[in-house]
Amino acid sequence: MTIKVTLQTKKGRCIRREYRTYIRAIQGIKRWFEGNQGIAMVYQPNKPPTVYRNQTELPVIDTGNKTNFYQTKKWLALRVDVLAKSDKRCAICGASKDDGVTLHVDHIKPRAHYPHLALERSNLQVLCEPCNLGKRDSDL
């Protein structure tokens, strides 16, 4: 689905842009209104065109200030600690770095289903990459 946007300044200059998502289109229009005056027309498939005359008419888009859990200081510190205190072997197959595998710190009960256990040491185990990818979001 492509969202088409036409931006027209008060002097009559037109710019046409395409966006992959509605959210990106609104964000682009918001940036345009920060330095320009005019109108913005949004064309979505199977919907009538929408016209915005200024930034205040734009819908509020909640982008959800989401943090990447795996980049947080708490997770990184816990991960290093778990790896340091492990026997440096996969809990499922026993493979180690000496076997050429990459070791991961895995959530036994997946974060997606048990977010309250995300930073619980008792819910973590060391797995090699193939076992971790094979396990996916199950709690074997």
C-alpha atoms as a PDB file:
ATOM      1  CA  MET A   1       0.000   0.000   0.000  1.00  0.00           C
ATOM      2  CA  THR A   2       1.387   3.398  -0.951  1.00  0.00           C
ATOM      3  CA  ILE A   3       0.276   6.641   0.656  1.00  0.00           C
ATOM      4  CA  LYS A   4       0.603   9.580  -1.719  1.00  0.00           C
ATOM      5  CA  VAL A   5       1.035  13.105  -0.418  1.00  0.00           C
ATOM      6  CA  THR A   6       0.881  16.414  -2.269  1.00  0.00           C
ATOM      7  CA  LEU A   7       2.346  19.412  -0.464  1.00  0.00           C
ATOM      8  CA  GLN A   8       1.447  22.835  -1.856  1.00  0.00           C
ATOM      9  CA  THR A   9       2.972  26.093  -0.613  1.00  0.00           C
ATOM     10  CA  LYS A  10       1.034  29.346  -0.550  1.00  0.00           C
ATOM     11  CA  LYS A  11       3.076  30.426  -3.581  1.00  0.00           C
ATOM     12  CA  GLY A  12       1.684  27.477  -5.549  1.00  0.00           C
ATOM     13  CA  ARG A  13       4.785  25.225  -5.566  1.00  0.00           C
ATOM     14  CA  CYS A  14       3.819  21.537  -5.389  1.00  0.00           C
ATOM     15  CA  ILE A  15       5.818  18.615  -4.071  1.00  0.00           C
ATOM     16  CA  ARG A  16       4.618  15.039  -4.408  1.00  0.00           C
ATOM     17  CA  ARG A  17       5.856  12.277  -2.131  1.00  0.00           C
ATOM     18  CA  GLU A  18       5.047   8.649  -1.520  1.00  0.00           C
ATOM     19  CA  TYR A  19       5.207   6.813   1.801  1.00  0.00           C
ATOM     20  CA  ARG A  20       4.902   3.158   2.687  1.00  0.00           C
ATOM     21  CA  THR A  21       2.788   3.784   5.782  1.00  0.00           C
ATOM     22  CA  TYR A  22       0.229   6.317   6.947  1.00  0.00           C
ATOM     23  CA  ILE A  23       2.292   7.066  10.069  1.00  0.00           C
ATOM     24  CA  ARG A  24       5.352   7.941   7.973  1.00  0.00           C
ATOM     25  CA  ALA A  25       3.222  10.180   5.757  1.00  0.00           C
ATOM     26  CA  ILE A  26       1.870  12.124   8.745  1.00  0.00           C
ATOM     27  CA  GLN A  27       5.376  12.431  10.215  1.00  0.00           C
ATOM     28  CA  GLY A  28       6.656  13.747   6.873  1.00  0.00           C
ATOM     29  CA  ILE A  29       3.838  16.285   6.619  1.00  0.00           C
ATOM     30  CA  LYS A  30       4.497  17.416  10.194  1.00  0.00           C
ATOM     31  CA  ARG A  31       8.158  18.073   9.343  1.00  0.00           C
ATOM     32  CA  TRP A  32       7.117  19.948   6.180  1.00  0.00           C
ATOM     33  CA  PHE A  33       4.711  22.185   8.111  1.00  0.00           C
ATOM     34  CA  GLU A  34       7.542  23.114  10.518  1.00  0.00           C
ATOM     35  CA  GLY A  35       9.196  25.148   7.741  1.00  0.00           C
ATOM     36  CA  ASN A  36       6.373  25.832   5.294  1.00  0.00           C
ATOM     37  CA  GLN A  37       2.857  27.190   5.017  1.00  0.00           C
ATOM     38  CA  GLY A  38       0.296  25.772   2.650  1.00  0.00           C
ATOM     39  CA  ILE A  39      -1.793  22.638   2.397  1.00  0.00           C
ATOM     40  CA  ALA A  40      -1.067  18.941   2.488  1.00  0.00           C
ATOM     41  CA  MET A  41      -3.272  16.424   0.716  1.00  0.00           C
ATOM     42  CA  VAL A  42      -3.125  12.753   1.647  1.00  0.00           C
ATOM     43  CA  TYR A  43      -4.333  10.079  -0.765  1.00  0.00           C
ATOM     44  CA  GLN A  44      -4.899   6.620   0.707  1.00  0.00           C
ATOM     45  CA  PRO A  45      -6.214   3.664  -1.276  1.00  0.00           C
ATOM     46  CA  ASN A  46      -9.995   3.250  -0.985  1.00  0.00           C
ATOM     47  CA  LYS A  47     -10.423   6.459   1.047  1.00  0.00           C
ATOM     48  CA  PRO A  48     -11.319  10.013   0.070  1.00  0.00           C
ATOM     49  CA  PRO A  49      -8.398  12.483   0.069  1.00  0.00           C
ATOM     50  CA  THR A  50      -7.720  14.328   3.308  1.00  0.00           C
ATOM     51  CA  VAL A  51      -6.587  17.958   3.362  1.00  0.00           C
ATOM     52  CA  TYR A  52      -4.561  19.502   6.187  1.00  0.00           C
ATOM     53  CA  ARG A  53      -4.038  23.274   6.318  1.00  0.00           C
ATOM     54  CA  ASN A  54      -1.604  23.383   9.233  1.00  0.00           C
ATOM     55  CA  GLN A  55       0.235  21.214  11.720  1.00  0.00           C
ATOM     56  CA  THR A  56      -2.485  21.438  14.377  1.00  0.00           C
ATOM     57  CA  GLU A  57      -4.972  19.659  12.086  1.00  0.00           C
ATOM     58  CA  LEU A  58      -2.739  16.582  11.787  1.00  0.00           C
ATOM     59  CA  PRO A  59      -3.816  13.481  13.720  1.00  0.00           C
ATOM     60  CA  VAL A  60      -1.781  12.663  16.799  1.00  0.00           C
ATOM     61  CA  ILE A  61       0.316   9.604  16.065  1.00  0.00           C
ATOM     62  CA  ASP A  62       1.558   7.648  19.072  1.00  0.00           C
ATOM     63  CA  THR A  63       4.906   6.237  18.016  1.00  0.00           C
ATOM     64  CA  GLY A  64       5.187   4.663  21.429  1.00  0.00           C
ATOM     65  CA  ASN A  65       8.702   5.694  22.501  1.00  0.00           C
ATOM     66  CA  LYS A  66       9.714   2.032  22.637  1.00  0.00           C
ATOM     67  CA  THR A  67      13.142   1.142  23.953  1.00  0.00           C
ATOM     68  CA  ASN A  68      15.010  -1.864  22.627  1.00  0.00           C
ATOM     69  CA  PHE A  69      15.070  -4.094  25.714  1.00  0.00           C
ATOM     70  CA  TYR A  70      18.270  -5.787  24.557  1.00  0.00           C
ATOM     71  CA  GLN A  71      20.120  -2.439  24.563  1.00  0.00           C
ATOM     72  CA  THR A  72      19.153  -1.409  28.099  1.00  0.00           C
ATOM     73  CA  LYS A  73      21.878  -1.154  30.732  1.00  0.00           C
ATOM     74  CA  LYS A  74      20.041  -3.548  33.076  1.00  0.00           C
ATOM     75  CA  TRP A  75      19.783  -6.282  30.440  1.00  0.00           C
ATOM     76  CA  LEU A  76      23.365  -5.875  29.219  1.00  0.00           C
ATOM     77  CA  ALA A  77      24.750  -6.047  32.773  1.00  0.00           C
ATOM     78  CA  LEU A  78      22.631  -9.088  33.633  1.00  0.00           C
ATOM     79  CA  ARG A  79      23.586 -10.806  30.370  1.00  0.00           C
ATOM     80  CA  VAL A  80      27.314 -10.335  31.024  1.00  0.00           C
ATOM     81  CA  ASP A  81      26.864 -11.643  34.578  1.00  0.00           C
ATOM     82  CA  VAL A  82      24.923 -14.723  33.428  1.00  0.00           C
ATOM     83  CA  LEU A  83      27.545 -15.524  30.771  1.00  0.00           C
ATOM     84  CA  ALA A  84      30.398 -15.040  33.245  1.00  0.00           C
ATOM     85  CA  LYS A  85      28.824 -17.353  35.834  1.00  0.00           C
ATOM     86  CA  SER A  86      27.798 -20.037  33.311  1.00  0.00           C
ATOM     87  CA  ASP A  87      29.867 -23.052  32.341  1.00  0.00           C
ATOM     88  CA  LYS A  88      30.118 -21.494  28.837  1.00  0.00           C
ATOM     89  CA  ARG A  89      28.116 -24.350  27.327  1.00  0.00           C
ATOM     90  CA  CYS A  90      24.667 -24.606  25.747  1.00  0.00           C
ATOM     91  CA  ALA A  91      22.116 -25.832  28.290  1.00  0.00           C
ATOM     92  CA  ILE A  92      20.417 -27.971  25.618  1.00  0.00           C
ATOM     93  CA  CYS A  93      23.149 -29.555  23.473  1.00  0.00           C
ATOM     94  CA  GLY A  94      26.335 -28.791  25.445  1.00  0.00           C
ATOM     95  CA  ALA A  95      28.099 -26.969  22.589  1.00  0.00           C
ATOM     96  CA  SER A  96      30.667 -24.296  23.502  1.00  0.00           C
ATOM     97  CA  LYS A  97      32.602 -21.532  21.769  1.00  0.00           C
ATOM     98  CA  ASP A  98      35.323 -24.133  21.170  1.00  0.00           C
ATOM     99  CA  ASP A  99      32.819 -25.865  18.865  1.00  0.00           C
ATOM    100  CA  GLY A 100      32.478 -22.631  16.877  1.00  0.00           C
ATOM    101  CA  VAL A 101      29.009 -21.618  18.087  1.00  0.00           C
ATOM    102  CA  THR A 102      27.818 -18.247  19.344  1.00  0.00           C
ATOM    103  CA  LEU A 103      26.320 -18.346  22.832  1.00  0.00           C
ATOM    104  CA  HIS A 104      23.124 -16.463  23.661  1.00  0.00           C
ATOM    105  CA  VAL A 105      21.433 -15.680  26.962  1.00  0.00           C
ATOM    106  CA  ASP A 106      17.903 -16.998  26.548  1.00  0.00           C
ATOM    107  CA  HIS A 107      14.690 -16.349  28.443  1.00  0.00           C
ATOM    108  CA  ILE A 108      13.387 -19.780  29.473  1.00  0.00           C
ATOM    109  CA  LYS A 109       9.859 -18.413  29.695  1.00  0.00           C
ATOM    110  CA  PRO A 110       9.693 -15.981  26.731  1.00  0.00           C
ATOM    111  CA  ARG A 111       9.521 -12.225  27.334  1.00  0.00           C
ATOM    112  CA  ALA A 112       6.552 -12.011  24.964  1.00  0.00           C
ATOM    113  CA  HIS A 113       4.468 -14.218  27.286  1.00  0.00           C
ATOM    114  CA  TYR A 114       6.101 -13.405  30.653  1.00  0.00           C
ATOM    115  CA  PRO A 115       7.376  -9.797  30.534  1.00  0.00           C
ATOM    116  CA  HIS A 116       7.577  -9.643  34.339  1.00  0.00           C
ATOM    117  CA  LEU A 117      10.321 -12.309  34.222  1.00  0.00           C
ATOM    118  CA  ALA A 118      12.503 -10.458  31.699  1.00  0.00           C
ATOM    119  CA  LEU A 119      15.202  -9.565  34.252  1.00  0.00           C
ATOM    120  CA  GLU A 120      14.835 -12.608  36.542  1.00  0.00           C
ATOM    121  CA  ARG A 121      18.109 -14.530  36.696  1.00  0.00           C
ATOM    122  CA  SER A 122      16.197 -17.777  37.378  1.00  0.00           C
ATOM    123  CA  ASN A 123      14.464 -17.342  34.001  1.00  0.00           C
ATOM    124  CA  LEU A 124      17.728 -17.150  32.030  1.00  0.00           C
ATOM    125  CA  GLN A 125      19.877 -19.840  30.475  1.00  0.00           C
ATOM    126  CA  VAL A 126      22.824 -19.967  28.102  1.00  0.00           C
ATOM    127  CA  LEU A 127      22.043 -21.515  24.708  1.00  0.00           C
ATOM    128  CA  CYS A 128      23.997 -21.812  21.488  1.00  0.00           C
ATOM    129  CA  GLU A 129      22.576 -19.881  18.562  1.00  0.00           C
ATOM    130  CA  PRO A 130      21.085 -22.935  16.747  1.00  0.00           C
ATOM    131  CA  CYS A 131      19.291 -24.130  19.907  1.00  0.00           C
ATOM    132  CA  ASN A 132      18.073 -20.635  20.761  1.00  0.00           C
ATOM    133  CA  LEU A 133      16.732 -20.050  17.248  1.00  0.00           C
ATOM    134  CA  GLY A 134      15.146 -23.508  17.249  1.00  0.00           C
ATOM    135  CA  LYS A 135      13.501 -22.916  20.611  1.00  0.00           C
ATOM    136  CA  ARG A 136      11.993 -19.630  19.416  1.00  0.00           C
ATOM    137  CA  ASP A 137       9.310 -18.433  21.837  1.00  0.00           C
ATOM    138  CA  SER A 138       8.497 -21.756  23.476  1.00  0.00           C
ATOM    139  CA  ASP A 139       9.356 -22.558  27.058  1.00  0.00           C
ATOM    140  CA  LEU A 140      10.907 -25.987  26.695  1.00  0.00           C
END
